Amino acid sequence: MSQKEFWNDKFKDDEFFYGLHPNEFLASNKDLLKIGGDILFLGEGEGRNALYFAKNGFNVSAIDCSDIGLSKLANKAKEKSLNINLFCEDLTTWESSKKYDAVLISYLHMHTNDLEKLFLNIENSLNSGGYFIAEFFSKNQLKYSSGGPKNIDLLYSIEDFKNRFNSCTKNVKEELVVLDEGFGHQGEASVIRVVIKKQ
């Protein structure tokens, strides 16, 4: 099954699988970003984070491989009179054609072998002073049943960031949190929280 097929199956119902409230960590870092700035969400799915940041005055773009997820996001954005730029694309082949003030991610599942290219593309897509803010499931998430893949190759460690983003200041921590995000994420979880600023 392709990534597109997997996520289209996940998002096929009318309900929003991860709810409509933004990821708590991303929302808590909103004040680091300048209102009106250009921000990009990667692996944004049905769009709960994109909707929140667009509502709060940011110029938002979102990429996901699921056309069903993006269609739900487009309909919700239209309902709320929000303008969000949407791109249906596989992140293993994505290369940014413009610069952003921030790139944000919540729970992107990428194979370890694809991280080098992805993280370099993220670093290159940031303006000077721009932020990469993200929350990922850590490899220790295998101990918990609150969500996320059961394949350790799709989970993250602090070491994944250690020798990357060399033009940036990095704040990367592993934390235990309690998730309450729709049907998809419920309960105690081990996550990697990232705030990276390009110099």
N, C-alpha and C. Protein backbone atom coordinates (compact mmCIF):
# COMPACT_ATOMS: atom_id res chain seq x y z
N MET A 1 0.84 -1.20 0.00
CA MET A 1 0.00 0.00 0.00
C MET A 1 0.88 1.25 0.00
N SER A 2 0.58 2.19 -0.88
CA SER A 2 1.34 3.43 -0.94
C SER A 2 0.96 4.35 0.23
N GLN A 3 1.81 5.36 0.47
CA GLN A 3 1.49 6.34 1.51
C GLN A 3 0.17 7.04 1.20
N LYS A 4 -0.05 7.37 -0.05
CA LYS A 4 -1.31 8.04 -0.43
C LYS A 4 -2.51 7.15 -0.11
N GLU A 5 -2.43 5.87 -0.45
CA GLU A 5 -3.53 4.95 -0.18
C GLU A 5 -3.74 4.78 1.32
N PHE A 6 -2.64 4.68 2.07
CA PHE A 6 -2.72 4.50 3.52
C PHE A 6 -3.45 5.67 4.16
N TRP A 7 -3.03 6.89 3.82
CA TRP A 7 -3.62 8.07 4.47
C TRP A 7 -5.02 8.39 3.94
N ASN A 8 -5.27 8.10 2.68
CA ASN A 8 -6.63 8.28 2.16
C ASN A 8 -7.60 7.37 2.90
N ASP A 9 -7.18 6.15 3.20
CA ASP A 9 -8.03 5.24 3.97
C ASP A 9 -8.25 5.76 5.39
N LYS A 10 -7.23 6.36 5.97
CA LYS A 10 -7.31 6.90 7.33
C LYS A 10 -8.29 8.10 7.38
N PHE A 11 -8.31 8.88 6.31
CA PHE A 11 -9.07 10.13 6.31
C PHE A 11 -10.40 10.03 5.57
N LYS A 12 -10.84 8.85 5.18
CA LYS A 12 -11.99 8.70 4.29
C LYS A 12 -13.32 9.06 4.94
N ASP A 13 -13.42 8.97 6.27
CA ASP A 13 -14.69 9.27 6.94
C ASP A 13 -14.90 10.77 7.09
N ASP A 14 -16.14 11.17 7.35
CA ASP A 14 -16.46 12.60 7.49
C ASP A 14 -15.78 13.22 8.71
N GLU A 15 -15.65 12.44 9.79
CA GLU A 15 -15.00 12.96 10.99
C GLU A 15 -13.52 13.22 10.72
N PHE A 16 -12.96 14.17 11.46
CA PHE A 16 -11.53 14.46 11.35
C PHE A 16 -10.77 13.53 12.30
N PHE A 17 -9.91 12.68 11.74
CA PHE A 17 -9.29 11.59 12.49
C PHE A 17 -8.50 12.09 13.70
N TYR A 18 -7.81 13.21 13.54
CA TYR A 18 -7.03 13.78 14.65
C TYR A 18 -7.71 15.01 15.25
N GLY A 19 -9.00 15.16 14.97
CA GLY A 19 -9.75 16.28 15.52
C GLY A 19 -9.49 17.58 14.78
N LEU A 20 -10.05 18.66 15.32
CA LEU A 20 -9.90 19.98 14.68
C LEU A 20 -9.09 20.96 15.54
N HIS A 21 -8.70 20.52 16.72
CA HIS A 21 -7.85 21.39 17.55
C HIS A 21 -6.40 21.22 17.11
N PRO A 22 -5.61 22.29 17.14
CA PRO A 22 -4.22 22.18 16.70
C PRO A 22 -3.39 21.36 17.66
N ASN A 23 -2.28 20.87 17.19
CA ASN A 23 -1.31 20.22 18.07
C ASN A 23 -0.88 21.22 19.13
N GLU A 24 -0.91 20.78 20.38
CA GLU A 24 -0.65 21.68 21.51
C GLU A 24 0.73 22.31 21.46
N PHE A 25 1.74 21.53 21.09
CA PHE A 25 3.10 22.05 21.05
C PHE A 25 3.27 23.10 19.95
N LEU A 26 2.74 22.83 18.77
CA LEU A 26 2.84 23.83 17.70
C LEU A 26 2.13 25.12 18.10
N ALA A 27 0.93 24.99 18.64
CA ALA A 27 0.17 26.18 19.03
C ALA A 27 0.89 26.96 20.13
N SER A 28 1.57 26.25 21.04
CA SER A 28 2.24 26.92 22.16
C SER A 28 3.45 27.75 21.70
N ASN A 29 3.92 27.49 20.48
CA ASN A 29 5.07 28.24 19.95
C ASN A 29 4.67 29.29 18.92
N LYS A 30 3.38 29.55 18.81
CA LYS A 30 2.88 30.51 17.82
C LYS A 30 3.53 31.89 17.99
N ASP A 31 3.77 32.31 19.23
CA ASP A 31 4.28 33.66 19.46
C ASP A 31 5.74 33.84 19.04
N LEU A 32 6.43 32.75 18.69
CA LEU A 32 7.77 32.88 18.12
C LEU A 32 7.72 33.44 16.70
N LEU A 33 6.56 33.33 16.07
CA LEU A 33 6.41 33.65 14.65
C LEU A 33 5.73 35.00 14.46
N LYS A 34 6.14 35.70 13.43
CA LYS A 34 5.59 37.02 13.14
C LYS A 34 4.27 36.88 12.40
N ILE A 35 3.23 37.53 12.92
CA ILE A 35 1.91 37.51 12.27
C ILE A 35 2.06 37.99 10.83
N GLY A 36 1.42 37.26 9.91
CA GLY A 36 1.51 37.60 8.50
C GLY A 36 2.65 36.90 7.78
N GLY A 37 3.47 36.17 8.54
CA GLY A 37 4.59 35.46 7.93
C GLY A 37 4.12 34.27 7.10
N ASP A 38 5.00 33.85 6.19
CA ASP A 38 4.72 32.70 5.34
C ASP A 38 5.15 31.43 6.07
N ILE A 39 4.20 30.54 6.35
CA ILE A 39 4.54 29.30 7.04
C ILE A 39 4.02 28.09 6.25
N LEU A 40 4.78 27.02 6.32
CA LEU A 40 4.49 25.81 5.56
C LEU A 40 4.32 24.64 6.51
N PHE A 41 3.24 23.89 6.32
CA PHE A 41 2.99 22.67 7.08
C PHE A 41 3.27 21.46 6.18
N LEU A 42 4.08 20.54 6.68
CA LEU A 42 4.42 19.33 5.92
C LEU A 42 3.70 18.13 6.53
N GLY A 43 3.13 17.28 5.66
CA GLY A 43 2.37 16.13 6.14
C GLY A 43 1.16 16.58 6.95
N GLU A 44 0.46 17.59 6.45
CA GLU A 44 -0.57 18.26 7.25
C GLU A 44 -1.91 17.54 7.26
N GLY A 45 -2.10 16.52 6.42
CA GLY A 45 -3.32 15.71 6.51
C GLY A 45 -4.60 16.51 6.33
N GLU A 46 -5.49 16.41 7.31
CA GLU A 46 -6.80 17.08 7.25
C GLU A 46 -6.73 18.54 7.68
N GLY A 47 -5.58 18.99 8.18
CA GLY A 47 -5.36 20.42 8.28
C GLY A 47 -5.65 21.13 9.58
N ARG A 48 -5.73 20.43 10.69
CA ARG A 48 -6.10 21.10 11.95
C ARG A 48 -5.13 22.21 12.33
N ASN A 49 -3.83 22.00 12.08
CA ASN A 49 -2.84 23.03 12.43
C ASN A 49 -2.88 24.19 11.44
N ALA A 50 -2.99 23.87 10.16
CA ALA A 50 -3.05 24.91 9.13
C ALA A 50 -4.25 25.83 9.36
N LEU A 51 -5.39 25.25 9.71
CA LEU A 51 -6.59 26.06 9.97
C LEU A 51 -6.37 27.00 11.15
N TYR A 52 -5.75 26.50 12.20
CA TYR A 52 -5.52 27.31 13.39
C TYR A 52 -4.60 28.49 13.09
N PHE A 53 -3.50 28.23 12.40
CA PHE A 53 -2.54 29.30 12.13
C PHE A 53 -3.08 30.28 11.09
N ALA A 54 -3.84 29.81 10.12
CA ALA A 54 -4.47 30.73 9.16
C ALA A 54 -5.46 31.65 9.86
N LYS A 55 -6.24 31.09 10.78
CA LYS A 55 -7.19 31.88 11.56
C LYS A 55 -6.49 32.94 12.40
N ASN A 56 -5.23 32.66 12.80
CA ASN A 56 -4.48 33.59 13.64
C ASN A 56 -3.59 34.54 12.84
N GLY A 57 -3.85 34.68 11.56
CA GLY A 57 -3.23 35.74 10.80
C GLY A 57 -1.98 35.41 10.02
N PHE A 58 -1.66 34.12 9.85
CA PHE A 58 -0.48 33.74 9.09
C PHE A 58 -0.85 33.39 7.65
N ASN A 59 0.12 33.52 6.76
CA ASN A 59 -0.04 33.13 5.37
C ASN A 59 0.39 31.66 5.26
N VAL A 60 -0.58 30.77 5.11
CA VAL A 60 -0.34 29.34 5.32
C VAL A 60 -0.37 28.55 4.01
N SER A 61 0.61 27.65 3.88
CA SER A 61 0.62 26.64 2.84
C SER A 61 0.71 25.27 3.50
N ALA A 62 0.17 24.25 2.84
CA ALA A 62 0.18 22.90 3.41
C ALA A 62 0.41 21.86 2.32
N ILE A 63 1.24 20.88 2.65
CA ILE A 63 1.54 19.78 1.74
C ILE A 63 1.14 18.46 2.40
N ASP A 64 0.52 17.58 1.62
CA ASP A 64 0.26 16.23 2.08
C ASP A 64 0.10 15.33 0.86
N CYS A 65 0.34 14.03 1.04
CA CYS A 65 0.18 13.09 -0.07
C CYS A 65 -1.27 12.64 -0.23
N SER A 66 -2.12 12.94 0.76
CA SER A 66 -3.51 12.49 0.74
C SER A 66 -4.42 13.55 0.12
N ASP A 67 -4.95 13.26 -1.06
CA ASP A 67 -5.88 14.21 -1.68
C ASP A 67 -7.19 14.27 -0.90
N ILE A 68 -7.57 13.18 -0.22
CA ILE A 68 -8.78 13.18 0.60
C ILE A 68 -8.60 14.10 1.81
N GLY A 69 -7.46 13.98 2.48
CA GLY A 69 -7.18 14.87 3.61
C GLY A 69 -7.19 16.32 3.20
N LEU A 70 -6.53 16.63 2.09
CA LEU A 70 -6.46 18.02 1.63
C LEU A 70 -7.82 18.54 1.18
N SER A 71 -8.65 17.66 0.63
CA SER A 71 -10.00 18.07 0.24
C SER A 71 -10.83 18.44 1.47
N LYS A 72 -10.69 17.69 2.55
CA LYS A 72 -11.38 18.02 3.79
C LYS A 72 -10.87 19.34 4.35
N LEU A 73 -9.56 19.56 4.25
CA LEU A 73 -8.98 20.83 4.68
C LEU A 73 -9.51 21.99 3.84
N ALA A 74 -9.56 21.80 2.53
CA ALA A 74 -10.04 22.87 1.64
C ALA A 74 -11.49 23.23 1.96
N ASN A 75 -12.32 22.21 2.19
CA ASN A 75 -13.73 22.47 2.50
C ASN A 75 -13.89 23.21 3.83
N LYS A 76 -13.10 22.82 4.83
CA LYS A 76 -13.18 23.47 6.13
C LYS A 76 -12.66 24.90 6.04
N ALA A 77 -11.60 25.11 5.26
CA ALA A 77 -11.06 26.46 5.08
C ALA A 77 -12.08 27.37 4.39
N LYS A 78 -12.77 26.84 3.40
CA LYS A 78 -13.79 27.62 2.70
C LYS A 78 -14.93 27.97 3.65
N GLU A 79 -15.33 27.00 4.46
CA GLU A 79 -16.39 27.20 5.45
C GLU A 79 -16.04 28.32 6.42
N LYS A 80 -14.75 28.43 6.75
CA LYS A 80 -14.29 29.43 7.72
C LYS A 80 -13.74 30.69 7.05
N SER A 81 -13.87 30.77 5.71
CA SER A 81 -13.37 31.91 4.93
C SER A 81 -11.87 32.15 5.14
N LEU A 82 -11.11 31.05 5.11
CA LEU A 82 -9.66 31.12 5.26
C LEU A 82 -8.99 30.74 3.95
N ASN A 83 -7.91 31.42 3.63
CA ASN A 83 -7.17 31.14 2.40
C ASN A 83 -5.91 30.33 2.75
N ILE A 84 -5.86 29.07 2.31
CA ILE A 84 -4.70 28.21 2.56
C ILE A 84 -4.26 27.60 1.23
N ASN A 85 -2.98 27.71 0.93
CA ASN A 85 -2.43 27.15 -0.30
C ASN A 85 -2.16 25.67 -0.09
N LEU A 86 -2.72 24.82 -0.94
CA LEU A 86 -2.63 23.37 -0.75
C LEU A 86 -1.87 22.71 -1.90
N PHE A 87 -1.01 21.74 -1.53
CA PHE A 87 -0.22 21.01 -2.51
C PHE A 87 -0.26 19.53 -2.18
N CYS A 88 -0.73 18.72 -3.12
CA CYS A 88 -0.76 17.27 -2.94
C CYS A 88 0.54 16.70 -3.49
N GLU A 89 1.42 16.29 -2.58
CA GLU A 89 2.77 15.91 -2.98
C GLU A 89 3.36 14.91 -1.99
N ASP A 90 4.19 14.01 -2.49
CA ASP A 90 4.91 13.05 -1.67
C ASP A 90 6.18 13.73 -1.15
N LEU A 91 6.38 13.73 0.15
CA LEU A 91 7.51 14.45 0.72
C LEU A 91 8.86 13.78 0.44
N THR A 92 8.86 12.56 -0.06
CA THR A 92 10.13 11.94 -0.44
C THR A 92 10.69 12.57 -1.71
N THR A 93 9.85 13.27 -2.46
CA THR A 93 10.32 13.92 -3.69
C THR A 93 10.16 15.43 -3.63
N TRP A 94 9.69 15.96 -2.51
CA TRP A 94 9.46 17.41 -2.37
C TRP A 94 10.76 18.20 -2.32
N GLU A 95 10.78 19.31 -3.05
CA GLU A 95 11.83 20.32 -2.92
C GLU A 95 11.15 21.67 -2.97
N SER A 96 11.44 22.53 -2.01
CA SER A 96 10.74 23.80 -1.92
C SER A 96 11.17 24.75 -3.04
N SER A 97 10.19 25.42 -3.62
CA SER A 97 10.47 26.39 -4.68
C SER A 97 10.49 27.82 -4.14
N LYS A 98 10.26 27.98 -2.83
CA LYS A 98 10.29 29.31 -2.21
C LYS A 98 10.79 29.20 -0.78
N LYS A 99 11.01 30.36 -0.17
CA LYS A 99 11.48 30.42 1.21
C LYS A 99 10.30 30.72 2.14
N TYR A 100 10.37 30.18 3.35
CA TYR A 100 9.32 30.38 4.34
C TYR A 100 9.91 30.93 5.64
N ASP A 101 9.06 31.60 6.39
CA ASP A 101 9.45 32.09 7.71
C ASP A 101 9.39 30.99 8.76
N ALA A 102 8.66 29.93 8.46
CA ALA A 102 8.59 28.78 9.38
C ALA A 102 8.09 27.56 8.62
N VAL A 103 8.60 26.39 9.04
CA VAL A 103 8.08 25.10 8.59
C VAL A 103 7.64 24.35 9.84
N LEU A 104 6.40 23.85 9.84
CA LEU A 104 5.83 23.19 11.01
C LEU A 104 5.35 21.79 10.65
N ILE A 105 5.54 20.88 11.61
CA ILE A 105 5.13 19.48 11.41
C ILE A 105 4.58 18.94 12.71
N SER A 106 3.50 18.16 12.63
CA SER A 106 3.12 17.32 13.76
C SER A 106 2.94 15.89 13.27
N TYR A 107 3.79 14.99 13.79
CA TYR A 107 3.68 13.55 13.58
C TYR A 107 3.80 13.10 12.14
N LEU A 108 4.84 13.53 11.49
CA LEU A 108 5.15 13.05 10.15
C LEU A 108 5.88 11.71 10.25
N HIS A 109 5.41 10.72 9.48
CA HIS A 109 6.02 9.39 9.50
C HIS A 109 6.86 9.20 8.24
N MET A 110 8.19 9.31 8.40
CA MET A 110 9.12 9.15 7.27
C MET A 110 10.15 8.08 7.63
N HIS A 111 10.55 7.30 6.65
CA HIS A 111 11.59 6.31 6.87
C HIS A 111 12.91 7.00 7.17
N THR A 112 13.70 6.38 8.04
CA THR A 112 14.98 6.94 8.45
C THR A 112 15.85 7.31 7.25
N ASN A 113 15.84 6.49 6.20
CA ASN A 113 16.67 6.74 5.02
C ASN A 113 16.24 7.98 4.25
N ASP A 114 15.02 8.46 4.48
CA ASP A 114 14.52 9.65 3.77
C ASP A 114 14.74 10.94 4.56
N LEU A 115 15.24 10.83 5.80
CA LEU A 115 15.33 12.02 6.64
C LEU A 115 16.41 12.99 6.20
N GLU A 116 17.54 12.48 5.73
CA GLU A 116 18.65 13.36 5.33
C GLU A 116 18.17 14.37 4.29
N LYS A 117 17.54 13.88 3.24
CA LYS A 117 17.05 14.75 2.17
C LYS A 117 15.95 15.68 2.67
N LEU A 118 15.01 15.12 3.42
CA LEU A 118 13.90 15.94 3.91
C LEU A 118 14.40 17.08 4.79
N PHE A 119 15.26 16.76 5.76
CA PHE A 119 15.72 17.78 6.70
C PHE A 119 16.58 18.83 5.99
N LEU A 120 17.36 18.44 5.00
CA LEU A 120 18.13 19.41 4.22
C LEU A 120 17.21 20.33 3.44
N ASN A 121 16.14 19.77 2.86
CA ASN A 121 15.17 20.59 2.14
C ASN A 121 14.46 21.56 3.08
N ILE A 122 14.14 21.12 4.29
CA ILE A 122 13.52 22.03 5.27
C ILE A 122 14.48 23.16 5.61
N GLU A 123 15.73 22.82 5.91
CA GLU A 123 16.72 23.85 6.25
C GLU A 123 16.88 24.85 5.11
N ASN A 124 16.95 24.36 3.89
CA ASN A 124 17.13 25.25 2.73
C ASN A 124 15.90 26.09 2.44
N SER A 125 14.72 25.64 2.88
CA SER A 125 13.48 26.37 2.60
C SER A 125 13.22 27.50 3.59
N LEU A 126 14.04 27.59 4.66
CA LEU A 126 13.81 28.61 5.69
C LEU A 126 14.54 29.91 5.36
N ASN A 127 13.85 31.02 5.56
CA ASN A 127 14.50 32.32 5.54
C ASN A 127 15.46 32.43 6.71
N SER A 128 16.42 33.33 6.62
CA SER A 128 17.27 33.62 7.77
C SER A 128 16.40 34.07 8.93
N GLY A 129 16.61 33.49 10.10
CA GLY A 129 15.76 33.78 11.26
C GLY A 129 14.49 32.96 11.31
N GLY A 130 14.30 32.09 10.31
CA GLY A 130 13.10 31.26 10.26
C GLY A 130 13.17 30.07 11.19
N TYR A 131 12.01 29.51 11.51
CA TYR A 131 11.90 28.42 12.48
C TYR A 131 11.41 27.13 11.85
N PHE A 132 11.96 26.02 12.32
CA PHE A 132 11.40 24.69 12.10
C PHE A 132 10.90 24.21 13.46
N ILE A 133 9.58 24.08 13.57
CA ILE A 133 8.95 23.68 14.83
C ILE A 133 8.16 22.40 14.57
N ALA A 134 8.42 21.36 15.38
CA ALA A 134 7.81 20.07 15.06
C ALA A 134 7.70 19.19 16.30
N GLU A 135 6.74 18.27 16.21
CA GLU A 135 6.59 17.22 17.22
C GLU A 135 6.48 15.89 16.49
N PHE A 136 7.33 14.94 16.89
CA PHE A 136 7.37 13.61 16.29
C PHE A 136 7.22 12.55 17.38
N PHE A 137 6.76 11.37 17.00
CA PHE A 137 6.80 10.25 17.93
C PHE A 137 8.23 9.74 18.03
N SER A 138 8.71 9.51 19.27
CA SER A 138 10.05 8.98 19.49
C SER A 138 10.04 7.46 19.34
N LYS A 139 11.22 6.88 19.25
CA LYS A 139 11.34 5.43 19.15
C LYS A 139 10.76 4.74 20.40
N ASN A 140 10.73 5.45 21.52
CA ASN A 140 10.15 4.89 22.74
C ASN A 140 8.62 4.84 22.69
N GLN A 141 8.02 5.42 21.65
CA GLN A 141 6.56 5.36 21.51
C GLN A 141 6.06 3.93 21.33
N LEU A 142 6.96 3.02 20.94
CA LEU A 142 6.56 1.62 20.80
C LEU A 142 6.02 1.04 22.10
N LYS A 143 6.35 1.66 23.23
CA LYS A 143 5.87 1.19 24.54
C LYS A 143 4.43 1.64 24.83
N TYR A 144 3.91 2.55 23.99
CA TYR A 144 2.61 3.17 24.29
C TYR A 144 1.59 2.88 23.19
N SER A 145 0.33 2.98 23.55
CA SER A 145 -0.75 2.66 22.60
C SER A 145 -1.57 3.89 22.23
N SER A 146 -0.96 5.08 22.34
CA SER A 146 -1.69 6.33 22.10
C SER A 146 -1.70 6.77 20.65
N GLY A 147 -1.05 6.00 19.78
CA GLY A 147 -1.02 6.35 18.36
C GLY A 147 0.37 6.17 17.78
N GLY A 148 0.48 6.45 16.49
CA GLY A 148 1.76 6.35 15.82
C GLY A 148 2.05 4.99 15.25
N PRO A 149 3.05 4.92 14.35
CA PRO A 149 3.38 3.65 13.71
C PRO A 149 4.06 2.68 14.66
N LYS A 150 3.93 1.40 14.37
CA LYS A 150 4.58 0.36 15.17
C LYS A 150 5.88 -0.12 14.51
N ASN A 151 6.33 0.62 13.52
CA ASN A 151 7.58 0.34 12.82
C ASN A 151 8.64 1.33 13.32
N ILE A 152 9.68 0.83 13.98
CA ILE A 152 10.67 1.72 14.58
C ILE A 152 11.38 2.58 13.54
N ASP A 153 11.40 2.14 12.29
CA ASP A 153 12.03 2.91 11.21
C ASP A 153 11.26 4.18 10.87
N LEU A 154 10.02 4.28 11.35
CA LEU A 154 9.20 5.47 11.11
C LEU A 154 9.13 6.38 12.34
N LEU A 155 9.93 6.07 13.35
CA LEU A 155 9.97 6.84 14.58
C LEU A 155 11.31 7.58 14.69
N TYR A 156 11.43 8.49 15.65
CA TYR A 156 12.55 9.43 15.68
C TYR A 156 13.34 9.35 16.99
N SER A 157 14.58 9.82 16.91
CA SER A 157 15.42 9.97 18.09
C SER A 157 16.08 11.34 18.05
N ILE A 158 16.59 11.79 19.18
CA ILE A 158 17.31 13.06 19.23
C ILE A 158 18.51 13.02 18.28
N GLU A 159 19.12 11.85 18.12
CA GLU A 159 20.28 11.71 17.24
C GLU A 159 19.95 12.05 15.78
N ASP A 160 18.68 11.90 15.39
CA ASP A 160 18.29 12.24 14.02
C ASP A 160 18.54 13.71 13.70
N PHE A 161 18.60 14.54 14.71
CA PHE A 161 18.77 15.99 14.52
C PHE A 161 20.18 16.46 14.87
N LYS A 162 20.94 15.61 15.51
CA LYS A 162 22.20 16.01 16.12
C LYS A 162 23.20 16.57 15.11
N ASN A 163 23.39 15.88 13.99
CA ASN A 163 24.38 16.29 12.99
C ASN A 163 23.74 16.89 11.75
N ARG A 164 22.54 17.40 11.91
CA ARG A 164 21.82 18.06 10.82
C ARG A 164 21.45 19.48 11.25
N PHE A 165 20.93 20.26 10.32
CA PHE A 165 20.55 21.66 10.60
C PHE A 165 21.76 22.43 11.16
N ASN A 166 22.87 22.32 10.45
CA ASN A 166 24.12 22.89 10.95
C ASN A 166 24.18 24.41 10.86
N SER A 167 23.26 25.01 10.09
CA SER A 167 23.21 26.48 10.02
C SER A 167 22.22 27.05 11.03
N CYS A 168 21.84 26.23 12.01
CA CYS A 168 20.74 26.60 12.91
C CYS A 168 21.13 26.41 14.38
N THR A 169 20.38 27.10 15.25
CA THR A 169 20.41 26.77 16.67
C THR A 169 19.31 25.75 16.92
N LYS A 170 19.59 24.77 17.78
CA LYS A 170 18.68 23.64 17.93
C LYS A 170 18.27 23.43 19.39
N ASN A 171 16.98 23.25 19.60
CA ASN A 171 16.45 22.84 20.90
C ASN A 171 15.60 21.60 20.63
N VAL A 172 16.15 20.44 20.95
CA VAL A 172 15.50 19.16 20.65
C VAL A 172 15.41 18.35 21.94
N LYS A 173 14.20 17.98 22.33
CA LYS A 173 13.99 17.27 23.59
C LYS A 173 13.04 16.09 23.40
N GLU A 174 13.28 15.03 24.17
CA GLU A 174 12.33 13.93 24.24
C GLU A 174 11.51 14.10 25.51
N GLU A 175 10.19 14.02 25.37
CA GLU A 175 9.31 14.26 26.52
C GLU A 175 8.18 13.23 26.54
N LEU A 176 7.64 13.01 27.73
CA LEU A 176 6.45 12.19 27.91
C LEU A 176 5.26 13.14 28.06
N VAL A 177 4.26 12.98 27.20
CA VAL A 177 3.11 13.88 27.20
C VAL A 177 1.83 13.05 27.19
N VAL A 178 0.71 13.72 27.39
CA VAL A 178 -0.60 13.08 27.26
C VAL A 178 -1.33 13.71 26.09
N LEU A 179 -1.67 12.91 25.10
CA LEU A 179 -2.30 13.40 23.89
C LEU A 179 -3.81 13.27 23.95
N ASP A 180 -4.49 14.26 23.37
CA ASP A 180 -5.95 14.24 23.24
C ASP A 180 -6.27 14.88 21.89
N GLU A 181 -6.06 14.10 20.83
CA GLU A 181 -6.18 14.60 19.46
C GLU A 181 -7.09 13.69 18.65
N GLY A 182 -8.40 13.98 18.69
CA GLY A 182 -9.35 13.20 17.92
C GLY A 182 -9.33 11.72 18.27
N PHE A 183 -9.66 10.88 17.27
CA PHE A 183 -9.63 9.43 17.46
C PHE A 183 -8.20 8.90 17.43
N GLY A 184 -7.33 9.60 16.70
CA GLY A 184 -6.03 9.06 16.35
C GLY A 184 -4.99 9.04 17.45
N HIS A 185 -5.01 10.06 18.32
CA HIS A 185 -3.97 10.18 19.35
C HIS A 185 -4.64 10.39 20.71
N GLN A 186 -4.62 9.37 21.53
CA GLN A 186 -5.23 9.46 22.85
C GLN A 186 -4.34 8.76 23.88
N GLY A 187 -3.91 9.53 24.89
CA GLY A 187 -3.19 8.92 25.99
C GLY A 187 -1.73 9.31 26.07
N GLU A 188 -1.02 8.62 26.95
CA GLU A 188 0.39 8.92 27.21
C GLU A 188 1.24 8.57 26.00
N ALA A 189 2.20 9.47 25.68
CA ALA A 189 3.01 9.28 24.48
C ALA A 189 4.42 9.80 24.72
N SER A 190 5.37 9.18 24.03
CA SER A 190 6.76 9.64 24.04
C SER A 190 7.03 10.38 22.74
N VAL A 191 7.41 11.65 22.84
CA VAL A 191 7.56 12.50 21.65
C VAL A 191 8.92 13.20 21.64
N ILE A 192 9.34 13.57 20.45
CA ILE A 192 10.49 14.45 20.24
C ILE A 192 9.94 15.82 19.86
N ARG A 193 10.32 16.84 20.64
CA ARG A 193 9.86 18.21 20.38
C ARG A 193 11.04 19.05 19.90
N VAL A 194 10.82 19.73 18.78
CA VAL A 194 11.90 20.40 18.07
C VAL A 194 11.58 21.88 17.87
N VAL A 195 12.51 22.74 18.26
CA VAL A 195 12.47 24.16 17.88
C VAL A 195 13.85 24.51 17.35
N ILE A 196 13.93 24.69 16.05
CA ILE A 196 15.19 24.95 15.36
C ILE A 196 15.08 26.30 14.66
N LYS A 197 16.08 27.16 14.86
CA LYS A 197 16.06 28.51 14.27
C LYS A 197 17.26 28.67 13.34
N LYS A 198 16.97 29.05 12.10
CA LYS A 198 18.05 29.26 11.11
C LYS A 198 18.72 30.61 11.37
N GLN A 199 20.02 30.61 11.32
CA GLN A 199 20.78 31.85 11.58
C GLN A 199 20.83 32.74 10.33
